[in-house]
Amino acid sequence: MKLAISLGLVVLAALVAAPVVASEPASRAKRVEATNFEFTPKTVTIAKGDRVSWASTEGSHTVTFKRGLDEAISAGGAPASKKFRKVGTFRYVCSFHLSSAGMKGKVIVK
């Protein structure tokens, strides 16, 4: 009887001390930076349901899609972010710097 109680206490102690593992999958996100009048990387490929964020490392820019997100980003400011719920190719520009070839990009959602 003492052995069964001792064994039970050891098992209970092991269960209490076991690390907890998160059951949610890790967030899948890509980051694009606006630097030196260009988006880097210019093309981002993600899975449906993933998120892309854009941040500026210098100056002020926008992330402007034909439909949806149209947000300004500035160096040291909060990034813009968008979750893509549909498959397709989505192009965007910086509306402040349309003449700069580097201020265009695309997100490919598979």
PDB file of N, CA and C in Angstrom:
ATOM      1  N   MET A   1       0.825  -1.194   0.000  1.00  0.00           N
ATOM      2  CA  MET A   1       0.000   0.000   0.000  1.00  0.00           C
ATOM      3  C   MET A   1       0.871   1.259   0.000  1.00  0.00           C
ATOM      4  N   LYS A   2       1.923   1.262   0.851  1.00  0.00           N
ATOM      5  CA  LYS A   2       2.819   2.412   0.911  1.00  0.00           C
ATOM      6  C   LYS A   2       3.512   2.613  -0.431  1.00  0.00           C
ATOM      7  N   LEU A   3       3.856   1.497  -1.089  1.00  0.00           N
ATOM      8  CA  LEU A   3       4.522   1.572  -2.388  1.00  0.00           C
ATOM      9  C   LEU A   3       3.601   2.201  -3.431  1.00  0.00           C
ATOM     10  N   ALA A   4       2.326   1.819  -3.432  1.00  0.00           N
ATOM     11  CA  ALA A   4       1.357   2.359  -4.392  1.00  0.00           C
ATOM     12  C   ALA A   4       1.159   3.859  -4.168  1.00  0.00           C
ATOM     13  N   ILE A   5       1.089   4.284  -2.918  1.00  0.00           N
ATOM     14  CA  ILE A   5       0.920   5.708  -2.605  1.00  0.00           C
ATOM     15  C   ILE A   5       2.168   6.479  -3.013  1.00  0.00           C
ATOM     16  N   SER A   6       3.339   5.929  -2.726  1.00  0.00           N
ATOM     17  CA  SER A   6       4.597   6.590  -3.086  1.00  0.00           C
ATOM     18  C   SER A   6       4.722   6.729  -4.598  1.00  0.00           C
ATOM     19  N   LEU A   7       4.391   5.646  -5.312  1.00  0.00           N
ATOM     20  CA  LEU A   7       4.451   5.668  -6.764  1.00  0.00           C
ATOM     21  C   LEU A   7       3.452   6.691  -7.325  1.00  0.00           C
ATOM     22  N   GLY A   8       2.277   6.749  -6.773  1.00  0.00           N
ATOM     23  CA  GLY A   8       1.260   7.713  -7.196  1.00  0.00           C
ATOM     24  C   GLY A   8       1.730   9.144  -6.989  1.00  0.00           C
ATOM     25  N   LEU A   9       2.398   9.407  -5.876  1.00  0.00           N
ATOM     26  CA  LEU A   9       2.913  10.750  -5.597  1.00  0.00           C
ATOM     27  C   LEU A   9       4.027  11.132  -6.568  1.00  0.00           C
ATOM     28  N   VAL A  10       4.868  10.174  -6.927  1.00  0.00           N
ATOM     29  CA  VAL A  10       5.944  10.433  -7.876  1.00  0.00           C
ATOM     30  C   VAL A  10       5.359  10.783  -9.249  1.00  0.00           C
ATOM     31  N   VAL A  11       4.352  10.027  -9.702  1.00  0.00           N
ATOM     32  CA  VAL A  11       3.715  10.297 -10.987  1.00  0.00           C
ATOM     33  C   VAL A  11       3.032  11.662 -10.957  1.00  0.00           C
ATOM     34  N   LEU A  12       2.343  11.971  -9.891  1.00  0.00           N
ATOM     35  CA  LEU A  12       1.667  13.257  -9.750  1.00  0.00           C
ATOM     36  C   LEU A  12       2.676  14.408  -9.784  1.00  0.00           C
ATOM     37  N   ALA A  13       3.784  14.248  -9.085  1.00  0.00           N
ATOM     38  CA  ALA A  13       4.828  15.281  -9.076  1.00  0.00           C
ATOM     39  C   ALA A  13       5.408  15.475 -10.482  1.00  0.00           C
ATOM     40  N   ALA A  14       5.587  14.400 -11.224  1.00  0.00           N
ATOM     41  CA  ALA A  14       6.123  14.509 -12.583  1.00  0.00           C
ATOM     42  C   ALA A  14       5.145  15.242 -13.500  1.00  0.00           C
ATOM     43  N   LEU A  15       3.864  14.989 -13.354  1.00  0.00           N
ATOM     44  CA  LEU A  15       2.866  15.665 -14.178  1.00  0.00           C
ATOM     45  C   LEU A  15       2.791  17.157 -13.866  1.00  0.00           C
ATOM     46  N   VAL A  16       2.869  17.507 -12.616  1.00  0.00           N
ATOM     47  CA  VAL A  16       2.813  18.911 -12.204  1.00  0.00           C
ATOM     48  C   VAL A  16       4.048  19.659 -12.695  1.00  0.00           C
ATOM     49  N   ALA A  17       5.203  19.026 -12.698  1.00  0.00           N
ATOM     50  CA  ALA A  17       6.449  19.671 -13.090  1.00  0.00           C
ATOM     51  C   ALA A  17       6.661  19.694 -14.600  1.00  0.00           C
ATOM     52  N   ALA A  18       5.854  18.972 -15.371  1.00  0.00           N
ATOM     53  CA  ALA A  18       6.041  18.903 -16.821  1.00  0.00           C
ATOM     54  C   ALA A  18       5.783  20.263 -17.460  1.00  0.00           C
ATOM     55  N   PRO A  19       6.594  20.642 -18.444  1.00  0.00           N
ATOM     56  CA  PRO A  19       6.374  21.936 -19.106  1.00  0.00           C
ATOM     57  C   PRO A  19       5.088  21.926 -19.922  1.00  0.00           C
ATOM     58  N   VAL A  20       4.471  23.097 -20.034  1.00  0.00           N
ATOM     59  CA  VAL A  20       3.248  23.239 -20.817  1.00  0.00           C
ATOM     60  C   VAL A  20       3.646  23.622 -22.237  1.00  0.00           C
ATOM     61  N   VAL A  21       3.097  22.926 -23.214  1.00  0.00           N
ATOM     62  CA  VAL A  21       3.402  23.177 -24.613  1.00  0.00           C
ATOM     63  C   VAL A  21       2.205  23.867 -25.248  1.00  0.00           C
ATOM     64  N   ALA A  22       2.435  24.976 -25.926  1.00  0.00           N
ATOM     65  CA  ALA A  22       1.350  25.702 -26.580  1.00  0.00           C
ATOM     66  C   ALA A  22       0.777  24.871 -27.707  1.00  0.00           C
ATOM     67  N   SER A  23      -0.539  24.872 -27.827  1.00  0.00           N
ATOM     68  CA  SER A  23      -1.176  24.071 -28.863  1.00  0.00           C
ATOM     69  C   SER A  23      -1.423  24.856 -30.142  1.00  0.00           C
ATOM     70  N   GLU A  24      -1.289  26.190 -30.107  1.00  0.00           N
ATOM     71  CA  GLU A  24      -1.508  26.997 -31.298  1.00  0.00           C
ATOM     72  C   GLU A  24      -0.269  26.992 -32.181  1.00  0.00           C
ATOM     73  N   PRO A  25      -0.467  26.956 -33.515  1.00  0.00           N
ATOM     74  CA  PRO A  25       0.688  27.013 -34.413  1.00  0.00           C
ATOM     75  C   PRO A  25       1.329  28.395 -34.360  1.00  0.00           C
ATOM     76  N   ALA A  26       2.611  28.450 -34.671  1.00  0.00           N
ATOM     77  CA  ALA A  26       3.320  29.726 -34.677  1.00  0.00           C
ATOM     78  C   ALA A  26       2.742  30.626 -35.768  1.00  0.00           C
ATOM     79  N   SER A  27       2.693  31.907 -35.483  1.00  0.00           N
ATOM     80  CA  SER A  27       2.196  32.876 -36.451  1.00  0.00           C
ATOM     81  C   SER A  27       3.150  32.950 -37.635  1.00  0.00           C
ATOM     82  N   ARG A  28       2.585  32.917 -38.832  1.00  0.00           N
ATOM     83  CA  ARG A  28       3.408  33.013 -40.032  1.00  0.00           C
ATOM     84  C   ARG A  28       3.251  34.420 -40.584  1.00  0.00           C
ATOM     85  N   ALA A  29       4.329  35.167 -40.564  1.00  0.00           N
ATOM     86  CA  ALA A  29       4.285  36.542 -41.050  1.00  0.00           C
ATOM     87  C   ALA A  29       5.558  36.862 -41.816  1.00  0.00           C
ATOM     88  N   LYS A  30       5.422  37.724 -42.796  1.00  0.00           N
ATOM     89  CA  LYS A  30       6.564  38.222 -43.566  1.00  0.00           C
ATOM     90  C   LYS A  30       6.652  39.715 -43.324  1.00  0.00           C
ATOM     91  N   ARG A  31       7.869  40.236 -43.396  1.00  0.00           N
ATOM     92  CA  ARG A  31       8.090  41.665 -43.190  1.00  0.00           C
ATOM     93  C   ARG A  31       8.737  42.264 -44.430  1.00  0.00           C
ATOM     94  N   VAL A  32       8.225  43.413 -44.843  1.00  0.00           N
ATOM     95  CA  VAL A  32       8.776  44.167 -45.961  1.00  0.00           C
ATOM     96  C   VAL A  32       9.238  45.507 -45.410  1.00  0.00           C
ATOM     97  N   GLU A  33      10.411  45.947 -45.825  1.00  0.00           N
ATOM     98  CA  GLU A  33      10.926  47.237 -45.373  1.00  0.00           C
ATOM     99  C   GLU A  33      10.969  48.224 -46.533  1.00  0.00           C
ATOM    100  N   ALA A  34      10.615  49.471 -46.239  1.00  0.00           N
ATOM    101  CA  ALA A  34      10.739  50.567 -47.191  1.00  0.00           C
ATOM    102  C   ALA A  34      12.024  51.312 -46.832  1.00  0.00           C
ATOM    103  N   THR A  35      13.033  51.155 -47.679  1.00  0.00           N
ATOM    104  CA  THR A  35      14.345  51.749 -47.442  1.00  0.00           C
ATOM    105  C   THR A  35      14.909  52.263 -48.757  1.00  0.00           C
ATOM    106  N   ASN A  36      15.482  53.457 -48.735  1.00  0.00           N
ATOM    107  CA  ASN A  36      16.169  54.007 -49.908  1.00  0.00           C
ATOM    108  C   ASN A  36      15.267  53.982 -51.156  1.00  0.00           C
ATOM    109  N   PHE A  37      14.015  54.372 -50.968  1.00  0.00           N
ATOM    110  CA  PHE A  37      13.016  54.449 -52.042  1.00  0.00           C
ATOM    111  C   PHE A  37      12.777  53.125 -52.756  1.00  0.00           C
ATOM    112  N   GLU A  38      12.755  52.039 -51.972  1.00  0.00           N
ATOM    113  CA  GLU A  38      12.339  50.753 -52.526  1.00  0.00           C
ATOM    114  C   GLU A  38      11.809  49.850 -51.421  1.00  0.00           C
ATOM    115  N   PHE A  39      10.902  48.941 -51.817  1.00  0.00           N
ATOM    116  CA  PHE A  39      10.400  47.919 -50.904  1.00  0.00           C
ATOM    117  C   PHE A  39      11.320  46.712 -51.005  1.00  0.00           C
ATOM    118  N   THR A  40      11.730  46.187 -49.864  1.00  0.00           N
ATOM    119  CA  THR A  40      12.608  45.016 -49.832  1.00  0.00           C
ATOM    120  C   THR A  40      12.030  43.979 -48.882  1.00  0.00           C
ATOM    121  N   PRO A  41      11.757  42.769 -49.363  1.00  0.00           N
ATOM    122  CA  PRO A  41      11.830  42.298 -50.744  1.00  0.00           C
ATOM    123  C   PRO A  41      10.665  42.858 -51.566  1.00  0.00           C
ATOM    124  N   LYS A  42      10.840  42.884 -52.876  1.00  0.00           N
ATOM    125  CA  LYS A  42       9.797  43.401 -53.779  1.00  0.00           C
ATOM    126  C   LYS A  42       8.628  42.425 -53.902  1.00  0.00           C
ATOM    127  N   THR A  43       8.922  41.141 -53.832  1.00  0.00           N
ATOM    128  CA  THR A  43       7.893  40.108 -53.934  1.00  0.00           C
ATOM    129  C   THR A  43       7.940  39.231 -52.695  1.00  0.00           C
ATOM    130  N   VAL A  44       6.775  39.004 -52.114  1.00  0.00           N
ATOM    131  CA  VAL A  44       6.643  38.140 -50.948  1.00  0.00           C
ATOM    132  C   VAL A  44       5.648  37.049 -51.305  1.00  0.00           C
ATOM    133  N   THR A  45       6.003  35.798 -51.046  1.00  0.00           N
ATOM    134  CA  THR A  45       5.102  34.670 -51.281  1.00  0.00           C
ATOM    135  C   THR A  45       4.698  34.084 -49.934  1.00  0.00           C
ATOM    136  N   ILE A  46       3.389  33.981 -49.732  1.00  0.00           N
ATOM    137  CA  ILE A  46       2.860  33.493 -48.458  1.00  0.00           C
ATOM    138  C   ILE A  46       1.732  32.500 -48.707  1.00  0.00           C
ATOM    139  N   ALA A  47       1.293  31.854 -47.644  1.00  0.00           N
ATOM    140  CA  ALA A  47       0.133  30.964 -47.708  1.00  0.00           C
ATOM    141  C   ALA A  47      -1.128  31.756 -47.352  1.00  0.00           C
ATOM    142  N   LYS A  48      -2.251  31.302 -47.847  1.00  0.00           N
ATOM    143  CA  LYS A  48      -3.542  31.912 -47.521  1.00  0.00           C
ATOM    144  C   LYS A  48      -3.691  31.957 -46.007  1.00  0.00           C
ATOM    145  N   GLY A  49      -4.071  33.112 -45.475  1.00  0.00           N
ATOM    146  CA  GLY A  49      -4.240  33.279 -44.034  1.00  0.00           C
ATOM    147  C   GLY A  49      -3.026  33.872 -43.341  1.00  0.00           C
ATOM    148  N   ASP A  50      -1.903  33.988 -44.059  1.00  0.00           N
ATOM    149  CA  ASP A  50      -0.698  34.586 -43.478  1.00  0.00           C
ATOM    150  C   ASP A  50      -0.801  36.112 -43.504  1.00  0.00           C
ATOM    151  N   ARG A  51       0.095  36.754 -42.783  1.00  0.00           N
ATOM    152  CA  ARG A  51       0.107  38.203 -42.631  1.00  0.00           C
ATOM    153  C   ARG A  51       1.420  38.771 -43.160  1.00  0.00           C
ATOM    154  N   VAL A  52       1.334  39.969 -43.742  1.00  0.00           N
ATOM    155  CA  VAL A  52       2.518  40.710 -44.171  1.00  0.00           C
ATOM    156  C   VAL A  52       2.505  42.043 -43.441  1.00  0.00           C
ATOM    157  N   SER A  53       3.673  42.476 -42.977  1.00  0.00           N
ATOM    158  CA  SER A  53       3.774  43.806 -42.370  1.00  0.00           C
ATOM    159  C   SER A  53       4.811  44.612 -43.134  1.00  0.00           C
ATOM    160  N   TRP A  54       4.606  45.915 -43.162  1.00  0.00           N
ATOM    161  CA  TRP A  54       5.499  46.840 -43.851  1.00  0.00           C
ATOM    162  C   TRP A  54       5.970  47.878 -42.844  1.00  0.00           C
ATOM    163  N   ALA A  55       7.267  48.150 -42.851  1.00  0.00           N
ATOM    164  CA  ALA A  55       7.831  49.164 -41.967  1.00  0.00           C
ATOM    165  C   ALA A  55       8.797  50.029 -42.765  1.00  0.00           C
ATOM    166  N   SER A  56       8.898  51.287 -42.388  1.00  0.00           N
ATOM    167  CA  SER A  56       9.825  52.200 -43.036  1.00  0.00           C
ATOM    168  C   SER A  56      11.050  52.375 -42.141  1.00  0.00           C
ATOM    169  N   THR A  57      12.217  52.273 -42.735  1.00  0.00           N
ATOM    170  CA  THR A  57      13.444  52.509 -41.969  1.00  0.00           C
ATOM    171  C   THR A  57      13.962  53.920 -42.182  1.00  0.00           C
ATOM    172  N   GLU A  58      13.372  54.636 -43.168  1.00  0.00           N
ATOM    173  CA  GLU A  58      13.731  56.039 -43.381  1.00  0.00           C
ATOM    174  C   GLU A  58      12.620  56.736 -44.158  1.00  0.00           C
ATOM    175  N   GLY A  59      12.292  57.930 -43.750  1.00  0.00           N
ATOM    176  CA  GLY A  59      11.284  58.723 -44.441  1.00  0.00           C
ATOM    177  C   GLY A  59       9.868  58.225 -44.252  1.00  0.00           C
ATOM    178  N   SER A  60       8.968  58.810 -45.028  1.00  0.00           N
ATOM    179  CA  SER A  60       7.548  58.450 -44.984  1.00  0.00           C
ATOM    180  C   SER A  60       7.126  57.865 -46.325  1.00  0.00           C
ATOM    181  N   HIS A  61       6.318  56.822 -46.261  1.00  0.00           N
ATOM    182  CA  HIS A  61       5.855  56.117 -47.450  1.00  0.00           C
ATOM    183  C   HIS A  61       4.421  55.664 -47.203  1.00  0.00           C
ATOM    184  N   THR A  62       3.806  55.078 -48.226  1.00  0.00           N
ATOM    185  CA  THR A  62       2.504  54.440 -48.046  1.00  0.00           C
ATOM    186  C   THR A  62       2.576  53.012 -48.569  1.00  0.00           C
ATOM    187  N   VAL A  63       1.654  52.217 -48.115  1.00  0.00           N
ATOM    188  CA  VAL A  63       1.420  50.885 -48.669  1.00  0.00           C
ATOM    189  C   VAL A  63      -0.001  50.961 -49.206  1.00  0.00           C
ATOM    190  N   THR A  64      -0.117  51.050 -50.537  1.00  0.00           N
ATOM    191  CA  THR A  64      -1.407  51.299 -51.155  1.00  0.00           C
ATOM    192  C   THR A  64      -1.737  50.207 -52.164  1.00  0.00           C
ATOM    193  N   PHE A  65      -2.815  49.474 -51.887  1.00  0.00           N
ATOM    194  CA  PHE A  65      -3.353  48.464 -52.793  1.00  0.00           C
ATOM    195  C   PHE A  65      -4.524  49.083 -53.549  1.00  0.00           C
ATOM    196  N   LYS A  66      -4.871  48.516 -54.707  1.00  0.00           N
ATOM    197  CA  LYS A  66      -6.041  49.016 -55.441  1.00  0.00           C
ATOM    198  C   LYS A  66      -7.295  48.874 -54.592  1.00  0.00           C
ATOM    199  N   ARG A  67      -7.378  47.764 -53.875  1.00  0.00           N
ATOM    200  CA  ARG A  67      -8.519  47.520 -52.976  1.00  0.00           C
ATOM    201  C   ARG A  67      -7.962  47.123 -51.615  1.00  0.00           C
ATOM    202  N   GLY A  68      -8.431  47.778 -50.592  1.00  0.00           N
ATOM    203  CA  GLY A  68      -8.018  47.380 -49.243  1.00  0.00           C
ATOM    204  C   GLY A  68      -7.069  48.368 -48.614  1.00  0.00           C
ATOM    205  N   LEU A  69      -5.953  47.871 -48.150  1.00  0.00           N
ATOM    206  CA  LEU A  69      -5.022  48.651 -47.351  1.00  0.00           C
ATOM    207  C   LEU A  69      -4.491  49.876 -48.092  1.00  0.00           C
ATOM    208  N   ASP A  70      -4.521  51.017 -47.432  1.00  0.00           N
ATOM    209  CA  ASP A  70      -3.902  52.257 -47.900  1.00  0.00           C
ATOM    210  C   ASP A  70      -3.451  52.980 -46.634  1.00  0.00           C
ATOM    211  N   GLU A  71      -2.220  52.709 -46.235  1.00  0.00           N
ATOM    212  CA  GLU A  71      -1.756  53.188 -44.941  1.00  0.00           C
ATOM    213  C   GLU A  71      -0.363  53.807 -45.049  1.00  0.00           C
ATOM    214  N   ALA A  72      -0.167  54.908 -44.333  1.00  0.00           N
ATOM    215  CA  ALA A  72       1.141  55.561 -44.292  1.00  0.00           C
ATOM    216  C   ALA A  72       2.037  54.875 -43.269  1.00  0.00           C
ATOM    217  N   ILE A  73       3.324  54.787 -43.598  1.00  0.00           N
ATOM    218  CA  ILE A  73       4.322  54.265 -42.662  1.00  0.00           C
ATOM    219  C   ILE A  73       5.475  55.259 -42.608  1.00  0.00           C
ATOM    220  N   SER A  74       6.024  55.446 -41.427  1.00  0.00           N
ATOM    221  CA  SER A  74       7.137  56.379 -41.237  1.00  0.00           C
ATOM    222  C   SER A  74       8.227  55.725 -40.423  1.00  0.00           C
ATOM    223  N   ALA A  75       9.455  56.170 -40.651  1.00  0.00           N
ATOM    224  CA  ALA A  75      10.592  55.647 -39.883  1.00  0.00           C
ATOM    225  C   ALA A  75      10.314  55.844 -38.400  1.00  0.00           C
ATOM    226  N   GLY A  76      10.484  54.799 -37.632  1.00  0.00           N
ATOM    227  CA  GLY A  76      10.246  54.843 -36.191  1.00  0.00           C
ATOM    228  C   GLY A  76       8.787  54.729 -35.799  1.00  0.00           C
ATOM    229  N   GLY A  77       7.887  54.713 -36.779  1.00  0.00           N
ATOM    230  CA  GLY A  77       6.458  54.605 -36.487  1.00  0.00           C
ATOM    231  C   GLY A  77       5.981  53.168 -36.528  1.00  0.00           C
ATOM    232  N   ALA A  78       4.707  53.006 -36.294  1.00  0.00           N
ATOM    233  CA  ALA A  78       4.100  51.668 -36.294  1.00  0.00           C
ATOM    234  C   ALA A  78       4.048  51.117 -37.716  1.00  0.00           C
ATOM    235  N   PRO A  79       4.272  49.824 -37.883  1.00  0.00           N
ATOM    236  CA  PRO A  79       4.183  49.217 -39.217  1.00  0.00           C
ATOM    237  C   PRO A  79       2.727  49.073 -39.663  1.00  0.00           C
ATOM    238  N   ALA A  80       2.536  48.945 -40.963  1.00  0.00           N
ATOM    239  CA  ALA A  80       1.231  48.587 -41.517  1.00  0.00           C
ATOM    240  C   ALA A  80       1.197  47.069 -41.619  1.00  0.00           C
ATOM    241  N   SER A  81       0.006  46.492 -41.534  1.00  0.00           N
ATOM    242  CA  SER A  81      -0.091  45.041 -41.546  1.00  0.00           C
ATOM    243  C   SER A  81      -1.383  44.614 -42.230  1.00  0.00           C
ATOM    244  N   LYS A  82      -1.312  43.502 -42.954  1.00  0.00           N
ATOM    245  CA  LYS A  82      -2.499  42.983 -43.635  1.00  0.00           C
ATOM    246  C   LYS A  82      -2.473  41.469 -43.630  1.00  0.00           C
ATOM    247  N   LYS A  83      -3.620  40.881 -43.311  1.00  0.00           N
ATOM    248  CA  LYS A  83      -3.786  39.432 -43.381  1.00  0.00           C
ATOM    249  C   LYS A  83      -4.468  39.113 -44.716  1.00  0.00           C
ATOM    250  N   PHE A  84      -3.902  38.164 -45.455  1.00  0.00           N
ATOM    251  CA  PHE A  84      -4.408  37.815 -46.779  1.00  0.00           C
ATOM    252  C   PHE A  84      -5.271  36.564 -46.681  1.00  0.00           C
ATOM    253  N   ARG A  85      -6.546  36.724 -47.015  1.00  0.00           N
ATOM    254  CA  ARG A  85      -7.521  35.649 -46.871  1.00  0.00           C
ATOM    255  C   ARG A  85      -7.890  34.987 -48.197  1.00  0.00           C
ATOM    256  N   LYS A  86      -7.373  35.537 -49.318  1.00  0.00           N
ATOM    257  CA  LYS A  86      -7.690  34.986 -50.642  1.00  0.00           C
ATOM    258  C   LYS A  86      -6.409  34.671 -51.395  1.00  0.00           C
ATOM    259  N   VAL A  87      -6.481  33.643 -52.241  1.00  0.00           N
ATOM    260  CA  VAL A  87      -5.362  33.271 -53.102  1.00  0.00           C
ATOM    261  C   VAL A  87      -5.307  34.255 -54.269  1.00  0.00           C
ATOM    262  N   GLY A  88      -4.087  34.632 -54.679  1.00  0.00           N
ATOM    263  CA  GLY A  88      -3.936  35.528 -55.817  1.00  0.00           C
ATOM    264  C   GLY A  88      -2.651  36.330 -55.731  1.00  0.00           C
ATOM    265  N   THR A  89      -2.485  37.254 -56.667  1.00  0.00           N
ATOM    266  CA  THR A  89      -1.346  38.162 -56.677  1.00  0.00           C
ATOM    267  C   THR A  89      -1.871  39.566 -56.417  1.00  0.00           C
ATOM    268  N   PHE A  90      -1.321  40.225 -55.414  1.00  0.00           N
ATOM    269  CA  PHE A  90      -1.786  41.532 -54.980  1.00  0.00           C
ATOM    270  C   PHE A  90      -0.634  42.533 -55.088  1.00  0.00           C
ATOM    271  N   ARG A  91      -0.810  43.527 -55.938  1.00  0.00           N
ATOM    272  CA  ARG A  91       0.231  44.537 -56.181  1.00  0.00           C
ATOM    273  C   ARG A  91      -0.046  45.772 -55.338  1.00  0.00           C
ATOM    274  N   TYR A  92       1.026  46.431 -54.907  1.00  0.00           N
ATOM    275  CA  TYR A  92       0.888  47.654 -54.120  1.00  0.00           C
ATOM    276  C   TYR A  92       1.985  48.638 -54.508  1.00  0.00           C
ATOM    277  N   VAL A  93       1.795  49.910 -54.144  1.00  0.00           N
ATOM    278  CA  VAL A  93       2.753  50.975 -54.441  1.00  0.00           C
ATOM    279  C   VAL A  93       2.862  51.899 -53.234  1.00  0.00           C
ATOM    280  N   CYS A  94       3.843  52.754 -53.278  1.00  0.00           N
ATOM    281  CA  CYS A  94       3.918  53.892 -52.368  1.00  0.00           C
ATOM    282  C   CYS A  94       3.316  55.061 -53.132  1.00  0.00           C
ATOM    283  N   SER A  95       2.172  55.569 -52.688  1.00  0.00           N
ATOM    284  CA  SER A  95       1.510  56.648 -53.425  1.00  0.00           C
ATOM    285  C   SER A  95       2.267  57.970 -53.324  1.00  0.00           C
ATOM    286  N   PHE A  96       3.189  58.093 -52.373  1.00  0.00           N
ATOM    287  CA  PHE A  96       4.024  59.302 -52.279  1.00  0.00           C
ATOM    288  C   PHE A  96       5.114  59.310 -53.352  1.00  0.00           C
ATOM    289  N   HIS A  97       5.551  58.131 -53.776  1.00  0.00           N
ATOM    290  CA  HIS A  97       6.714  58.021 -54.664  1.00  0.00           C
ATOM    291  C   HIS A  97       6.420  57.133 -55.875  1.00  0.00           C
ATOM    292  N   LEU A  98       5.350  57.441 -56.584  1.00  0.00           N
ATOM    293  CA  LEU A  98       4.941  56.623 -57.736  1.00  0.00           C
ATOM    294  C   LEU A  98       5.981  56.606 -58.852  1.00  0.00           C
ATOM    295  N   SER A  99       6.783  57.657 -58.963  1.00  0.00           N
ATOM    296  CA  SER A  99       7.772  57.708 -60.045  1.00  0.00           C
ATOM    297  C   SER A  99       8.994  56.832 -59.767  1.00  0.00           C
ATOM    298  N   SER A 100       9.151  56.381 -58.536  1.00  0.00           N
ATOM    299  CA  SER A 100      10.289  55.528 -58.186  1.00  0.00           C
ATOM    300  C   SER A 100       9.954  54.069 -58.496  1.00  0.00           C
ATOM    301  N   ALA A 101      10.743  53.453 -59.371  1.00  0.00           N
ATOM    302  CA  ALA A 101      10.486  52.064 -59.768  1.00  0.00           C
ATOM    303  C   ALA A 101      10.569  51.110 -58.578  1.00  0.00           C
ATOM    304  N   GLY A 102      11.367  51.464 -57.570  1.00  0.00           N
ATOM    305  CA  GLY A 102      11.521  50.583 -56.412  1.00  0.00           C
ATOM    306  C   GLY A 102      10.388  50.621 -55.426  1.00  0.00           C
ATOM    307  N   MET A 103       9.468  51.589 -55.578  1.00  0.00           N
ATOM    308  CA  MET A 103       8.380  51.722 -54.607  1.00  0.00           C
ATOM    309  C   MET A 103       7.121  50.991 -55.073  1.00  0.00           C
ATOM    310  N   LYS A 104       7.330  49.810 -55.660  1.00  0.00           N
ATOM    311  CA  LYS A 104       6.256  48.928 -56.076  1.00  0.00           C
ATOM    312  C   LYS A 104       6.580  47.533 -55.579  1.00  0.00           C
ATOM    313  N   GLY A 105       5.555  46.781 -55.228  1.00  0.00           N
ATOM    314  CA  GLY A 105       5.786  45.416 -54.772  1.00  0.00           C
ATOM    315  C   GLY A 105       4.574  44.555 -55.009  1.00  0.00           C
ATOM    316  N   LYS A 106       4.710  43.268 -54.670  1.00  0.00           N
ATOM    317  CA  LYS A 106       3.557  42.381 -54.800  1.00  0.00           C
ATOM    318  C   LYS A 106       3.616  41.284 -53.747  1.00  0.00           C
ATOM    319  N   VAL A 107       2.429  40.815 -53.404  1.00  0.00           N
ATOM    320  CA  VAL A 107       2.262  39.694 -52.478  1.00  0.00           C
ATOM    321  C   VAL A 107       1.595  38.595 -53.259  1.00  0.00           C
ATOM    322  N   ILE A 108       2.224  37.426 -53.289  1.00  0.00           N
ATOM    323  CA  ILE A 108       1.646  36.248 -53.943  1.00  0.00           C
ATOM    324  C   ILE A 108       1.134  35.325 -52.847  1.00  0.00           C
ATOM    325  N   VAL A 109      -0.155  35.046 -52.889  1.00  0.00           N
ATOM    326  CA  VAL A 109      -0.791  34.197 -51.880  1.00  0.00           C
ATOM    327  C   VAL A 109      -1.163  32.883 -52.537  1.00  0.00           C
ATOM    328  N   LYS A 110      -0.627  31.786 -51.977  1.00  0.00           N
ATOM    329  CA  LYS A 110      -0.893  30.450 -52.533  1.00  0.00           C
ATOM    330  C   LYS A 110      -1.824  29.671 -51.642  1.00  0.00           C
TER     331      LYS A 110
END
